[in-house]
Amino acid sequence: MDDLYETEWDKTLEKFYMKLFKHICDGKNKMLQPIHLNIEEKQQFYSKSDKKMLDLGPTWKMYLVSETKDDKDRVLVYAPYLFQQGQLFLIPEELIIRIGYN
């Protein structure tokens, strides 16, 4: 009965925003921090998702997933990447620019 007065547009819009919300929030509904990289042009970084090196650009949309460092002082970063297929990258912490929540 709760959705009796919802239109198809409302339902579609809610599904769309919930999908986006899952891309920028962790499992506890805490918003992930948006970042950019302190590099001048595209560089290759290790993708944990594909287990190979992939390109990332300086102003590509990315989010800090974990500040826990691995043995090479890299942190985990999420990038929607190409065609919205999400990738997890290991990035050296000194290259991260925290742009904050806008």
C-alpha atoms as a PDB file:
ATOM      1  CA  MET A   1       0.000   0.000   0.000  1.00  0.00           C
ATOM      2  CA  ASP A   2       2.962   2.357   0.536  1.00  0.00           C
ATOM      3  CA  ASP A   3       3.667   2.663  -3.184  1.00  0.00           C
ATOM      4  CA  LEU A   4       0.020   3.099  -4.189  1.00  0.00           C
ATOM      5  CA  TYR A   5       0.544   6.778  -5.017  1.00  0.00           C
ATOM      6  CA  GLU A   6       3.998   6.464  -6.562  1.00  0.00           C
ATOM      7  CA  THR A   7       4.252   6.875 -10.303  1.00  0.00           C
ATOM      8  CA  GLU A   8       6.536   4.790 -12.515  1.00  0.00           C
ATOM      9  CA  TRP A   9       8.764   7.861 -12.792  1.00  0.00           C
ATOM     10  CA  ASP A  10       9.133   7.995  -8.984  1.00  0.00           C
ATOM     11  CA  LYS A  11      10.082   4.324  -8.869  1.00  0.00           C
ATOM     12  CA  THR A  12      12.583   4.677 -11.731  1.00  0.00           C
ATOM     13  CA  LEU A  13      14.130   7.750 -10.151  1.00  0.00           C
ATOM     14  CA  GLU A  14      14.477   6.029  -6.778  1.00  0.00           C
ATOM     15  CA  LYS A  15      16.176   3.000  -8.377  1.00  0.00           C
ATOM     16  CA  PHE A  16      18.575   5.304 -10.236  1.00  0.00           C
ATOM     17  CA  TYR A  17      19.576   7.223  -7.101  1.00  0.00           C
ATOM     18  CA  MET A  18      19.936   4.046  -5.050  1.00  0.00           C
ATOM     19  CA  LYS A  19      22.308   2.681  -7.701  1.00  0.00           C
ATOM     20  CA  LEU A  20      24.397   5.862  -7.576  1.00  0.00           C
ATOM     21  CA  PHE A  21      24.308   5.834  -3.768  1.00  0.00           C
ATOM     22  CA  LYS A  22      25.814   2.336  -3.730  1.00  0.00           C
ATOM     23  CA  HIS A  23      28.719   3.577  -5.877  1.00  0.00           C
ATOM     24  CA  ILE A  24      29.680   6.366  -3.486  1.00  0.00           C
ATOM     25  CA  CYS A  25      28.883   4.794  -0.103  1.00  0.00           C
ATOM     26  CA  ASP A  26      30.384   1.914   1.808  1.00  0.00           C
ATOM     27  CA  GLY A  27      28.392  -0.926   3.326  1.00  0.00           C
ATOM     28  CA  LYS A  28      27.539   1.165   6.396  1.00  0.00           C
ATOM     29  CA  ASN A  29      25.957   4.000   4.360  1.00  0.00           C
ATOM     30  CA  LYS A  30      28.921   6.244   5.122  1.00  0.00           C
ATOM     31  CA  MET A  31      29.672   8.468   2.158  1.00  0.00           C
ATOM     32  CA  LEU A  32      33.041   7.780   0.545  1.00  0.00           C
ATOM     33  CA  GLN A  33      35.380  10.745   0.283  1.00  0.00           C
ATOM     34  CA  PRO A  34      35.817  12.117  -3.274  1.00  0.00           C
ATOM     35  CA  ILE A  35      39.419  12.533  -4.413  1.00  0.00           C
ATOM     36  CA  HIS A  36      41.589  13.508  -7.368  1.00  0.00           C
ATOM     37  CA  LEU A  37      45.149  12.453  -8.061  1.00  0.00           C
ATOM     38  CA  ASN A  38      48.147  14.756  -7.822  1.00  0.00           C
ATOM     39  CA  ILE A  39      49.488  13.845 -11.274  1.00  0.00           C
ATOM     40  CA  GLU A  40      49.777  15.958 -14.408  1.00  0.00           C
ATOM     41  CA  GLU A  41      48.583  13.428 -16.969  1.00  0.00           C
ATOM     42  CA  LYS A  42      47.243   9.885 -17.187  1.00  0.00           C
ATOM     43  CA  GLN A  43      49.303   7.237 -15.445  1.00  0.00           C
ATOM     44  CA  GLN A  44      48.929   3.535 -14.890  1.00  0.00           C
ATOM     45  CA  PHE A  45      47.980   2.148 -11.481  1.00  0.00           C
ATOM     46  CA  TYR A  46      47.286  -1.368 -10.286  1.00  0.00           C
ATOM     47  CA  SER A  47      43.640  -2.425 -10.489  1.00  0.00           C
ATOM     48  CA  LYS A  48      42.718  -4.971  -7.829  1.00  0.00           C
ATOM     49  CA  SER A  49      39.546  -5.729  -9.798  1.00  0.00           C
ATOM     50  CA  ASP A  50      41.295  -6.696 -13.050  1.00  0.00           C
ATOM     51  CA  LYS A  51      44.679  -7.581 -11.488  1.00  0.00           C
ATOM     52  CA  LYS A  52      46.559  -5.498 -14.038  1.00  0.00           C
ATOM     53  CA  MET A  53      47.746  -1.945 -14.629  1.00  0.00           C
ATOM     54  CA  LEU A  54      45.116   0.499 -15.967  1.00  0.00           C
ATOM     55  CA  ASP A  55      45.124   4.228 -16.763  1.00  0.00           C
ATOM     56  CA  LEU A  56      43.832   6.869 -14.369  1.00  0.00           C
ATOM     57  CA  GLY A  57      43.736  10.601 -15.073  1.00  0.00           C
ATOM     58  CA  PRO A  58      44.352  13.484 -12.659  1.00  0.00           C
ATOM     59  CA  THR A  59      40.751  14.702 -12.446  1.00  0.00           C
ATOM     60  CA  TRP A  60      38.828  11.466 -12.975  1.00  0.00           C
ATOM     61  CA  LYS A  61      36.026  10.808 -10.530  1.00  0.00           C
ATOM     62  CA  MET A  62      37.354   8.628  -7.676  1.00  0.00           C
ATOM     63  CA  TYR A  63      36.560   7.861  -4.046  1.00  0.00           C
ATOM     64  CA  LEU A  64      38.783   6.864  -1.134  1.00  0.00           C
ATOM     65  CA  VAL A  65      37.589   3.459   0.094  1.00  0.00           C
ATOM     66  CA  SER A  66      40.119   2.717   2.815  1.00  0.00           C
ATOM     67  CA  GLU A  67      42.961   4.623   4.435  1.00  0.00           C
ATOM     68  CA  THR A  68      44.578   1.354   5.506  1.00  0.00           C
ATOM     69  CA  LYS A  69      47.918   1.075   3.699  1.00  0.00           C
ATOM     70  CA  ASP A  70      49.293  -2.057   2.102  1.00  0.00           C
ATOM     71  CA  ASP A  71      52.961  -3.083   2.308  1.00  0.00           C
ATOM     72  CA  LYS A  72      53.862  -0.525  -0.408  1.00  0.00           C
ATOM     73  CA  ASP A  73      52.053   2.400   1.317  1.00  0.00           C
ATOM     74  CA  ARG A  74      49.147   2.342  -1.139  1.00  0.00           C
ATOM     75  CA  VAL A  75      45.509   2.928  -0.212  1.00  0.00           C
ATOM     76  CA  LEU A  76      42.347   1.551  -1.824  1.00  0.00           C
ATOM     77  CA  VAL A  77      40.451   3.847  -4.208  1.00  0.00           C
ATOM     78  CA  TYR A  78      37.196   3.236  -6.118  1.00  0.00           C
ATOM     79  CA  ALA A  79      36.751   4.665  -9.627  1.00  0.00           C
ATOM     80  CA  PRO A  80      33.581   4.260 -11.718  1.00  0.00           C
ATOM     81  CA  TYR A  81      36.088   4.018 -14.606  1.00  0.00           C
ATOM     82  CA  LEU A  82      34.971   3.417 -18.193  1.00  0.00           C
ATOM     83  CA  PHE A  83      31.284   2.944 -18.964  1.00  0.00           C
ATOM     84  CA  GLN A  84      30.492   2.888 -15.215  1.00  0.00           C
ATOM     85  CA  GLN A  85      32.249  -0.442 -14.626  1.00  0.00           C
ATOM     86  CA  GLY A  86      33.684   0.125 -11.168  1.00  0.00           C
ATOM     87  CA  GLN A  87      37.326  -0.610 -10.466  1.00  0.00           C
ATOM     88  CA  LEU A  88      39.308  -0.749  -7.232  1.00  0.00           C
ATOM     89  CA  PHE A  89      42.814   0.679  -7.490  1.00  0.00           C
ATOM     90  CA  LEU A  90      45.834   0.730  -5.206  1.00  0.00           C
ATOM     91  CA  ILE A  91      47.189   4.294  -5.207  1.00  0.00           C
ATOM     92  CA  PRO A  92      50.204   5.719  -3.322  1.00  0.00           C
ATOM     93  CA  GLU A  93      48.788   7.864  -0.512  1.00  0.00           C
ATOM     94  CA  GLU A  94      51.001  10.850  -1.333  1.00  0.00           C
ATOM     95  CA  LEU A  95      49.258  11.213  -4.726  1.00  0.00           C
ATOM     96  CA  ILE A  96      45.789  11.663  -3.230  1.00  0.00           C
ATOM     97  CA  ILE A  97      44.135  15.081  -3.142  1.00  0.00           C
ATOM     98  CA  ARG A  98      41.053  15.115  -0.921  1.00  0.00           C
ATOM     99  CA  ILE A  99      38.526  17.406  -2.602  1.00  0.00           C
ATOM    100  CA  GLY A 100      35.884  17.074   0.114  1.00  0.00           C
ATOM    101  CA  TYR A 101      32.131  16.848  -0.075  1.00  0.00           C
ATOM    102  CA  ASN A 102      30.576  19.483  -2.323  1.00  0.00           C
END
